[in-house]
């Protein structure tokens, strides 16, 4: 699958588990060593872990690196060309990644409706 297809699939899987406030950042013209951040949130750490486990079980590629699965407050899934950040609500508000790069938010991005 191409990176855009993987991003759309990841977004659809996040929404499938009731992830909220999905945002895509296009970081290709920055010094960040990945092309995209896909950011979403869950209601609480248990919900965040459930979303992450769903992604890892259903996305057709495995992450190269993971962080935060045991805690569930901020889970990072690094797929090389893109990184998925899954936050609990209060942690997302505190770190506000999309606020760091507001000009990199892909306005109106929504995952395609794909069969899961």
C-alpha atoms as a PDB file:
ATOM      1  CA  UNK A   1       0.000   0.000   0.000  1.00  0.00           C
ATOM      2  CA  UNK A   2       1.118   3.545  -0.665  1.00  0.00           C
ATOM      3  CA  UNK A   3       1.582   6.057   2.161  1.00  0.00           C
ATOM      4  CA  UNK A   4      -1.669   7.910   1.307  1.00  0.00           C
ATOM      5  CA  UNK A   5      -3.545   4.594   1.306  1.00  0.00           C
ATOM      6  CA  UNK A   6      -2.002   3.622   4.649  1.00  0.00           C
ATOM      7  CA  UNK A   7      -2.910   7.006   6.147  1.00  0.00           C
ATOM      8  CA  UNK A   8      -6.502   6.650   4.972  1.00  0.00           C
ATOM      9  CA  UNK A   9      -6.658   3.088   6.284  1.00  0.00           C
ATOM     10  CA  UNK A  10      -5.187   4.156   9.652  1.00  0.00           C
ATOM     11  CA  UNK A  11      -7.685   7.011   9.898  1.00  0.00           C
ATOM     12  CA  UNK A  12     -10.587   4.691   9.092  1.00  0.00           C
ATOM     13  CA  UNK A  13      -9.390   2.210  11.721  1.00  0.00           C
ATOM     14  CA  UNK A  14      -9.113   4.979  14.322  1.00  0.00           C
ATOM     15  CA  UNK A  15     -12.658   6.101  13.570  1.00  0.00           C
ATOM     16  CA  UNK A  16     -13.801   2.472  13.658  1.00  0.00           C
ATOM     17  CA  UNK A  17     -12.782   2.401  17.341  1.00  0.00           C
ATOM     18  CA  UNK A  18     -14.442   5.771  18.014  1.00  0.00           C
ATOM     19  CA  UNK A  19     -11.225   7.790  18.044  1.00  0.00           C
ATOM     20  CA  UNK A  20     -11.942  11.506  18.006  1.00  0.00           C
ATOM     21  CA  UNK A  21     -10.538  14.782  16.586  1.00  0.00           C
ATOM     22  CA  UNK A  22      -8.518  13.219  13.779  1.00  0.00           C
ATOM     23  CA  UNK A  23      -5.907  15.603  12.321  1.00  0.00           C
ATOM     24  CA  UNK A  24      -3.256  15.069   9.639  1.00  0.00           C
ATOM     25  CA  UNK A  25      -0.072  17.170   9.625  1.00  0.00           C
ATOM     26  CA  UNK A  26       2.029  17.297   6.441  1.00  0.00           C
ATOM     27  CA  UNK A  27       5.609  17.667   7.707  1.00  0.00           C
ATOM     28  CA  UNK A  28       7.461  16.995   4.445  1.00  0.00           C
ATOM     29  CA  UNK A  29       8.951  20.493   4.324  1.00  0.00           C
ATOM     30  CA  UNK A  30      10.223  20.489   7.910  1.00  0.00           C
ATOM     31  CA  UNK A  31      13.239  18.995   9.661  1.00  0.00           C
ATOM     32  CA  UNK A  32      11.029  16.326  11.313  1.00  0.00           C
ATOM     33  CA  UNK A  33      12.287  12.884  10.165  1.00  0.00           C
ATOM     34  CA  UNK A  34       8.867  11.683   8.980  1.00  0.00           C
ATOM     35  CA  UNK A  35       6.438  12.933   6.353  1.00  0.00           C
ATOM     36  CA  UNK A  36       3.162  12.954   8.288  1.00  0.00           C
ATOM     37  CA  UNK A  37       1.720  12.951  11.789  1.00  0.00           C
ATOM     38  CA  UNK A  38      -1.738  11.431  12.162  1.00  0.00           C
ATOM     39  CA  UNK A  39      -3.151  12.650  15.482  1.00  0.00           C
ATOM     40  CA  UNK A  40      -6.260  11.457  17.299  1.00  0.00           C
ATOM     41  CA  UNK A  41      -7.564  11.073  20.802  1.00  0.00           C
ATOM     42  CA  UNK A  42      -9.427   8.626  22.958  1.00  0.00           C
ATOM     43  CA  UNK A  43     -11.571   9.228  25.995  1.00  0.00           C
ATOM     44  CA  UNK A  44      -9.102   7.694  28.451  1.00  0.00           C
ATOM     45  CA  UNK A  45      -5.943   5.534  28.530  1.00  0.00           C
ATOM     46  CA  UNK A  46      -7.898   2.288  28.111  1.00  0.00           C
ATOM     47  CA  UNK A  47      -9.605   3.670  25.000  1.00  0.00           C
ATOM     48  CA  UNK A  48      -6.274   4.952  23.617  1.00  0.00           C
ATOM     49  CA  UNK A  49      -4.674   1.516  24.047  1.00  0.00           C
ATOM     50  CA  UNK A  50      -7.667  -0.147  22.384  1.00  0.00           C
ATOM     51  CA  UNK A  51      -7.333   2.155  19.358  1.00  0.00           C
ATOM     52  CA  UNK A  52      -3.578   1.479  19.149  1.00  0.00           C
ATOM     53  CA  UNK A  53      -4.033  -2.285  19.399  1.00  0.00           C
ATOM     54  CA  UNK A  54      -6.751  -2.158  16.723  1.00  0.00           C
ATOM     55  CA  UNK A  55      -4.400  -0.251  14.407  1.00  0.00           C
ATOM     56  CA  UNK A  56      -1.511  -2.646  15.003  1.00  0.00           C
ATOM     57  CA  UNK A  57      -3.759  -5.636  14.415  1.00  0.00           C
ATOM     58  CA  UNK A  58      -5.501  -4.373  11.275  1.00  0.00           C
ATOM     59  CA  UNK A  59      -3.031  -2.113   9.437  1.00  0.00           C
ATOM     60  CA  UNK A  60      -1.198  -4.247   6.842  1.00  0.00           C
ATOM     61  CA  UNK A  61       2.231  -3.078   8.051  1.00  0.00           C
ATOM     62  CA  UNK A  62       3.796  -3.228  11.493  1.00  0.00           C
ATOM     63  CA  UNK A  63       5.120  -0.111  13.204  1.00  0.00           C
ATOM     64  CA  UNK A  64       8.891   0.242  13.229  1.00  0.00           C
ATOM     65  CA  UNK A  65       8.717   1.544  16.789  1.00  0.00           C
ATOM     66  CA  UNK A  66       6.096   2.032  19.493  1.00  0.00           C
ATOM     67  CA  UNK A  67       6.008   4.093  22.673  1.00  0.00           C
ATOM     68  CA  UNK A  68       3.507   4.496  25.485  1.00  0.00           C
ATOM     69  CA  UNK A  69       1.376   1.388  25.049  1.00  0.00           C
ATOM     70  CA  UNK A  70       1.605   0.352  28.689  1.00  0.00           C
ATOM     71  CA  UNK A  71       0.544   3.787  29.989  1.00  0.00           C
ATOM     72  CA  UNK A  72      -1.991   4.662  27.271  1.00  0.00           C
ATOM     73  CA  UNK A  73      -1.856   8.404  27.842  1.00  0.00           C
ATOM     74  CA  UNK A  74       0.172   9.105  24.674  1.00  0.00           C
ATOM     75  CA  UNK A  75       0.796   6.211  22.297  1.00  0.00           C
ATOM     76  CA  UNK A  76       3.198   6.722  19.407  1.00  0.00           C
ATOM     77  CA  UNK A  77       3.209   4.278  16.489  1.00  0.00           C
ATOM     78  CA  UNK A  78       6.089   4.994  14.094  1.00  0.00           C
ATOM     79  CA  UNK A  79       5.537   3.634  10.595  1.00  0.00           C
ATOM     80  CA  UNK A  80       8.565   5.385   9.070  1.00  0.00           C
ATOM     81  CA  UNK A  81       6.866   7.666   6.535  1.00  0.00           C
ATOM     82  CA  UNK A  82       4.208   8.606   9.059  1.00  0.00           C
ATOM     83  CA  UNK A  83       3.738   8.556  12.821  1.00  0.00           C
ATOM     84  CA  UNK A  84       0.423   8.016  14.571  1.00  0.00           C
ATOM     85  CA  UNK A  85      -0.009   9.911  17.846  1.00  0.00           C
ATOM     86  CA  UNK A  86      -2.907   8.723  19.995  1.00  0.00           C
ATOM     87  CA  UNK A  87      -3.621  10.820  23.062  1.00  0.00           C
ATOM     88  CA  UNK A  88      -5.927  10.798  26.007  1.00  0.00           C
ATOM     89  CA  UNK A  89      -7.841  14.093  25.953  1.00  0.00           C
ATOM     90  CA  UNK A  90      -5.977  15.893  28.729  1.00  0.00           C
ATOM     91  CA  UNK A  91      -2.538  14.913  27.393  1.00  0.00           C
ATOM     92  CA  UNK A  92      -3.402  16.045  23.877  1.00  0.00           C
ATOM     93  CA  UNK A  93      -4.520  19.427  25.163  1.00  0.00           C
ATOM     94  CA  UNK A  94      -1.271  19.804  27.123  1.00  0.00           C
ATOM     95  CA  UNK A  95       1.124  18.935  24.257  1.00  0.00           C
ATOM     96  CA  UNK A  96      -0.982  20.449  21.424  1.00  0.00           C
ATOM     97  CA  UNK A  97       1.130  19.077  18.544  1.00  0.00           C
ATOM     98  CA  UNK A  98      -1.074  20.636  15.887  1.00  0.00           C
ATOM     99  CA  UNK A  99      -0.631  23.979  17.646  1.00  0.00           C
ATOM    100  CA  UNK A 100       3.143  23.719  17.156  1.00  0.00           C
ATOM    101  CA  UNK A 101       2.715  23.468  13.364  1.00  0.00           C
ATOM    102  CA  UNK A 102      -0.678  25.075  12.628  1.00  0.00           C
ATOM    103  CA  UNK A 103       0.399  25.801   9.053  1.00  0.00           C
ATOM    104  CA  UNK A 104       1.042  22.070   8.481  1.00  0.00           C
ATOM    105  CA  UNK A 105      -2.501  20.904   9.295  1.00  0.00           C
ATOM    106  CA  UNK A 106      -4.087  19.385   6.184  1.00  0.00           C
ATOM    107  CA  UNK A 107      -7.405  21.225   6.252  1.00  0.00           C
ATOM    108  CA  UNK A 108     -10.458  19.121   5.569  1.00  0.00           C
ATOM    109  CA  UNK A 109      -8.571  15.796   5.517  1.00  0.00           C
ATOM    110  CA  UNK A 110     -10.807  12.841   6.227  1.00  0.00           C
ATOM    111  CA  UNK A 111      -9.979   9.177   5.799  1.00  0.00           C
ATOM    112  CA  UNK A 112     -11.588   7.548   2.798  1.00  0.00           C
ATOM    113  CA  UNK A 113     -14.386   5.106   3.465  1.00  0.00           C
ATOM    114  CA  UNK A 114     -12.587   1.822   3.062  1.00  0.00           C
ATOM    115  CA  UNK A 115     -13.747  -1.670   3.808  1.00  0.00           C
ATOM    116  CA  UNK A 116     -12.137  -2.712   7.056  1.00  0.00           C
END
